[in-house]
Amino acid sequence: MAITAKHLVLVDLNDLRKANKELIDQVLESIKPKDEERYITRKQAAVFLSVSLSTIDHWSRIGKIKKEDLKGSVRFDKEDLVKLVKEV
């Protein structure tokens, strides 16, 4: 037996925006990096942002994201990536 919705719920656009912002803030807070995992690899950055490695390379070249050189290894500051997500 299938259940179908038969009610229409009206929501004020501003209330919907506020609820959406609160939800995004909660998600971003839950993925906020701890100090020991603040700097991540190129591959981890791609997974975190759900983009390809070539996109990470391109964004790094054009300055959209900043890469760090830590002991000869390229790393990305996860806090910078979280800020990038917030901009979207």
Protein backbone atom coordinates (compact mmCIF):
# COMPACT_ATOMS: atom_id res chain seq x y z
CA MET A 1 0.00 0.00 0.00
CA ALA A 2 1.52 3.32 -1.07
CA ILE A 3 1.19 6.41 1.06
CA THR A 4 0.80 9.73 -0.70
CA ALA A 5 0.88 13.25 0.70
CA LYS A 6 -2.42 15.04 0.51
CA HIS A 7 -1.61 18.25 2.33
CA LEU A 8 0.05 21.37 1.10
CA VAL A 9 2.17 23.27 3.61
CA LEU A 10 2.75 26.96 3.07
CA VAL A 11 6.04 28.32 4.36
CA ASP A 12 7.12 31.95 4.41
CA LEU A 13 10.20 32.41 2.19
CA ASN A 14 12.11 34.22 4.94
CA ASP A 15 11.37 31.39 7.40
CA LEU A 16 12.60 28.88 4.84
CA ARG A 17 15.80 30.88 4.28
CA LYS A 18 16.40 31.14 8.02
CA ALA A 19 15.87 27.40 8.53
CA ASN A 20 18.16 26.63 5.59
CA LYS A 21 20.92 28.91 6.97
CA GLU A 22 20.63 27.32 10.42
CA LEU A 23 20.91 23.85 8.92
CA ILE A 24 23.96 24.81 6.85
CA ASP A 25 25.60 26.38 9.91
CA GLN A 26 24.99 23.19 11.92
CA VAL A 27 26.49 21.01 9.18
CA LEU A 28 29.52 23.28 8.77
CA GLU A 29 30.09 23.34 12.54
CA SER A 30 29.96 19.54 12.64
CA ILE A 31 32.70 19.29 10.00
CA LYS A 32 34.87 22.00 11.50
CA PRO A 33 38.37 20.57 11.69
CA LYS A 34 40.19 19.77 14.90
CA ASP A 35 43.72 21.11 15.12
CA GLU A 36 45.32 17.75 14.30
CA GLU A 37 43.36 17.45 11.06
CA ARG A 38 43.44 21.09 10.01
CA TYR A 39 45.80 20.59 7.05
CA ILE A 40 44.72 18.01 4.52
CA THR A 41 46.13 16.56 1.33
CA ARG A 42 45.10 17.48 -2.18
CA LYS A 43 43.11 14.26 -2.47
CA GLN A 44 41.38 14.84 0.88
CA ALA A 45 40.53 18.39 -0.22
CA ALA A 46 38.96 17.04 -3.42
CA VAL A 47 36.86 14.54 -1.47
CA PHE A 48 35.91 17.18 1.12
CA LEU A 49 34.70 19.58 -1.60
CA SER A 50 33.28 16.82 -3.83
CA VAL A 51 35.35 17.96 -6.79
CA SER A 52 38.06 16.39 -8.95
CA LEU A 53 41.79 16.63 -8.33
CA SER A 54 42.12 18.74 -11.47
CA THR A 55 39.58 21.20 -10.04
CA ILE A 56 41.66 21.44 -6.85
CA ASP A 57 44.75 22.12 -8.99
CA HIS A 58 42.91 24.74 -11.06
CA TRP A 59 41.45 26.51 -8.03
CA SER A 60 44.90 26.52 -6.45
CA ARG A 61 46.46 28.05 -9.59
CA ILE A 62 43.87 30.82 -9.83
CA GLY A 63 43.99 31.56 -6.10
CA LYS A 64 40.49 30.38 -5.21
CA ILE A 65 42.07 28.11 -2.60
CA LYS A 66 45.47 28.52 -1.01
CA LYS A 67 47.93 25.67 -0.80
CA GLU A 68 50.46 25.41 2.01
CA ASP A 69 53.91 23.86 1.84
CA LEU A 70 54.36 21.84 5.02
CA LYS A 71 57.68 20.04 5.26
CA GLY A 72 57.86 19.61 1.49
CA SER A 73 54.26 18.40 1.14
CA VAL A 74 51.37 20.36 -0.34
CA ARG A 75 48.49 20.73 2.09
CA PHE A 76 45.26 22.70 2.21
CA ASP A 77 43.85 24.42 5.28
CA LYS A 78 40.50 22.81 5.96
CA GLU A 79 39.24 26.02 7.58
CA ASP A 80 39.81 27.83 4.26
CA LEU A 81 37.84 25.12 2.48
CA VAL A 82 34.97 25.47 4.97
CA LYS A 83 34.93 29.22 4.24
CA LEU A 84 34.77 28.44 0.52
CA VAL A 85 31.74 26.20 1.10
CA LYS A 86 30.05 29.00 3.08
CA GLU A 87 30.47 31.38 0.13
CA VAL A 88 28.40 29.16 -2.14
